[in-house]
Amino acid sequence: MYHRDKRPLGAVAESAYEVLLEVTEPDEAIPRDKAHTQLLDTDFTDKDAEYALDRLLSRGYLYAVDEGLFVTDSDDYESWGEDS
């Protein structure tokens, strides 16, 4: 099982995570380019959007399957920490 990195995520990535939680349906993939566009539509710069997506992937807030990204719900993370 993957455990979320406990280090601070950072303001840019945290804001991106909140945006992606709002614009995606649970258990439905969003293509990376669409996720990037969603962030651009909410006033992220191109570099900040790329940085945030990479950061969220590396920290386990997003996970990739084939060409799609899935957002891991924050409630899932809270329950993961209880088993450790």
C-alpha atoms as a PDB file:
ATOM      1  CA  MET A   1       0.000   0.000   0.000  1.00  0.00           C
ATOM      2  CA  TYR A   2       1.247   3.490  -0.822  1.00  0.00           C
ATOM      3  CA  HIS A   3       1.420   5.936   2.049  1.00  0.00           C
ATOM      4  CA  ARG A   4       1.131   9.645   1.463  1.00  0.00           C
ATOM      5  CA  ASP A   5       4.235  11.690   1.946  1.00  0.00           C
ATOM      6  CA  LYS A   6       3.836  13.628   5.207  1.00  0.00           C
ATOM      7  CA  ARG A   7       5.961  16.610   4.103  1.00  0.00           C
ATOM      8  CA  PRO A   8       4.071  19.816   3.276  1.00  0.00           C
ATOM      9  CA  LEU A   9       2.672  19.778  -0.236  1.00  0.00           C
ATOM     10  CA  GLY A  10       3.078  23.502  -0.906  1.00  0.00           C
ATOM     11  CA  ALA A  11       0.505  26.153  -1.728  1.00  0.00           C
ATOM     12  CA  VAL A  12       0.537  25.750  -5.520  1.00  0.00           C
ATOM     13  CA  ALA A  13       0.104  21.978  -5.471  1.00  0.00           C
ATOM     14  CA  GLU A  14      -2.448  22.153  -2.663  1.00  0.00           C
ATOM     15  CA  SER A  15      -4.542  24.655  -4.620  1.00  0.00           C
ATOM     16  CA  ALA A  16      -4.308  22.466  -7.718  1.00  0.00           C
ATOM     17  CA  TYR A  17      -5.423  19.445  -5.714  1.00  0.00           C
ATOM     18  CA  GLU A  18      -8.491  21.338  -4.502  1.00  0.00           C
ATOM     19  CA  VAL A  19      -9.350  22.380  -8.069  1.00  0.00           C
ATOM     20  CA  LEU A  20      -8.987  18.836  -9.359  1.00  0.00           C
ATOM     21  CA  LEU A  21     -11.149  17.460  -6.536  1.00  0.00           C
ATOM     22  CA  GLU A  22     -13.899  19.850  -7.615  1.00  0.00           C
ATOM     23  CA  VAL A  23     -13.749  19.176 -11.359  1.00  0.00           C
ATOM     24  CA  THR A  24     -13.382  15.389 -11.362  1.00  0.00           C
ATOM     25  CA  GLU A  25     -15.789  12.651 -10.468  1.00  0.00           C
ATOM     26  CA  PRO A  26     -14.632  10.053  -7.946  1.00  0.00           C
ATOM     27  CA  ASP A  27     -13.211   6.954  -9.628  1.00  0.00           C
ATOM     28  CA  GLU A  28     -13.175   8.614 -13.067  1.00  0.00           C
ATOM     29  CA  ALA A  29      -9.957   9.370 -14.904  1.00  0.00           C
ATOM     30  CA  ILE A  30      -9.145  12.769 -16.328  1.00  0.00           C
ATOM     31  CA  PRO A  31      -6.578  13.012 -19.127  1.00  0.00           C
ATOM     32  CA  ARG A  32      -3.461  14.893 -18.043  1.00  0.00           C
ATOM     33  CA  ASP A  33      -3.937  17.532 -20.735  1.00  0.00           C
ATOM     34  CA  LYS A  34      -7.494  18.164 -19.516  1.00  0.00           C
ATOM     35  CA  ALA A  35      -6.288  18.416 -15.912  1.00  0.00           C
ATOM     36  CA  HIS A  36      -3.664  20.900 -17.093  1.00  0.00           C
ATOM     37  CA  THR A  37      -6.329  22.902 -18.950  1.00  0.00           C
ATOM     38  CA  GLN A  38      -8.579  22.912 -15.875  1.00  0.00           C
ATOM     39  CA  LEU A  39      -5.747  24.438 -13.868  1.00  0.00           C
ATOM     40  CA  LEU A  40      -5.033  27.033 -16.557  1.00  0.00           C
ATOM     41  CA  ASP A  41      -8.736  27.934 -16.531  1.00  0.00           C
ATOM     42  CA  THR A  42      -8.460  28.729 -12.812  1.00  0.00           C
ATOM     43  CA  ASP A  43      -5.573  31.169 -13.287  1.00  0.00           C
ATOM     44  CA  PHE A  44      -2.581  28.836 -12.867  1.00  0.00           C
ATOM     45  CA  THR A  45       0.358  29.643 -15.102  1.00  0.00           C
ATOM     46  CA  ASP A  46       1.535  26.941 -17.483  1.00  0.00           C
ATOM     47  CA  LYS A  47       4.637  26.268 -15.371  1.00  0.00           C
ATOM     48  CA  ASP A  48       2.673  26.208 -12.111  1.00  0.00           C
ATOM     49  CA  ALA A  49       0.137  23.765 -13.579  1.00  0.00           C
ATOM     50  CA  GLU A  50       2.907  21.415 -14.746  1.00  0.00           C
ATOM     51  CA  TYR A  51       4.709  21.705 -11.424  1.00  0.00           C
ATOM     52  CA  ALA A  52       1.522  21.027  -9.463  1.00  0.00           C
ATOM     53  CA  LEU A  53       0.592  17.961 -11.515  1.00  0.00           C
ATOM     54  CA  ASP A  54       4.088  16.521 -11.148  1.00  0.00           C
ATOM     55  CA  ARG A  55       4.112  17.243  -7.418  1.00  0.00           C
ATOM     56  CA  LEU A  56       0.665  15.705  -6.888  1.00  0.00           C
ATOM     57  CA  LEU A  57       1.710  12.585  -8.795  1.00  0.00           C
ATOM     58  CA  SER A  58       4.966  12.209  -6.900  1.00  0.00           C
ATOM     59  CA  ARG A  59       3.249  12.619  -3.524  1.00  0.00           C
ATOM     60  CA  GLY A  60       0.334  10.252  -4.225  1.00  0.00           C
ATOM     61  CA  TYR A  61      -2.458  12.813  -4.413  1.00  0.00           C
ATOM     62  CA  LEU A  62      -2.903  11.794  -8.050  1.00  0.00           C
ATOM     63  CA  TYR A  63      -2.164   8.470  -9.641  1.00  0.00           C
ATOM     64  CA  ALA A  64      -1.865   7.604 -13.302  1.00  0.00           C
ATOM     65  CA  VAL A  65      -3.396   4.648 -15.089  1.00  0.00           C
ATOM     66  CA  ASP A  66      -2.725   4.434 -18.808  1.00  0.00           C
ATOM     67  CA  GLU A  67      -3.407   7.953 -20.115  1.00  0.00           C
ATOM     68  CA  GLY A  68      -5.665   9.050 -17.262  1.00  0.00           C
ATOM     69  CA  LEU A  69      -5.125  10.669 -13.894  1.00  0.00           C
ATOM     70  CA  PHE A  70      -7.187   9.787 -10.861  1.00  0.00           C
ATOM     71  CA  VAL A  71      -7.535  12.083  -7.857  1.00  0.00           C
ATOM     72  CA  THR A  72      -7.152  10.310  -4.547  1.00  0.00           C
ATOM     73  CA  ASP A  73      -9.798  11.681  -2.219  1.00  0.00           C
ATOM     74  CA  SER A  74      -8.438  13.269   0.947  1.00  0.00           C
ATOM     75  CA  ASP A  75     -10.775  11.088   3.040  1.00  0.00           C
ATOM     76  CA  ASP A  76      -8.941   8.030   1.703  1.00  0.00           C
ATOM     77  CA  TYR A  77      -5.663   9.425   2.999  1.00  0.00           C
ATOM     78  CA  GLU A  78      -7.010   9.992   6.460  1.00  0.00           C
ATOM     79  CA  SER A  79      -8.052   6.349   6.745  1.00  0.00           C
ATOM     80  CA  TRP A  80      -4.669   5.154   5.381  1.00  0.00           C
ATOM     81  CA  GLY A  81      -2.833   6.794   8.241  1.00  0.00           C
ATOM     82  CA  GLU A  82      -4.919   4.899  10.774  1.00  0.00           C
ATOM     83  CA  ASP A  83      -3.497   1.519   9.680  1.00  0.00           C
ATOM     84  CA  SER A  84       0.150   2.565  10.109  1.00  0.00           C
END
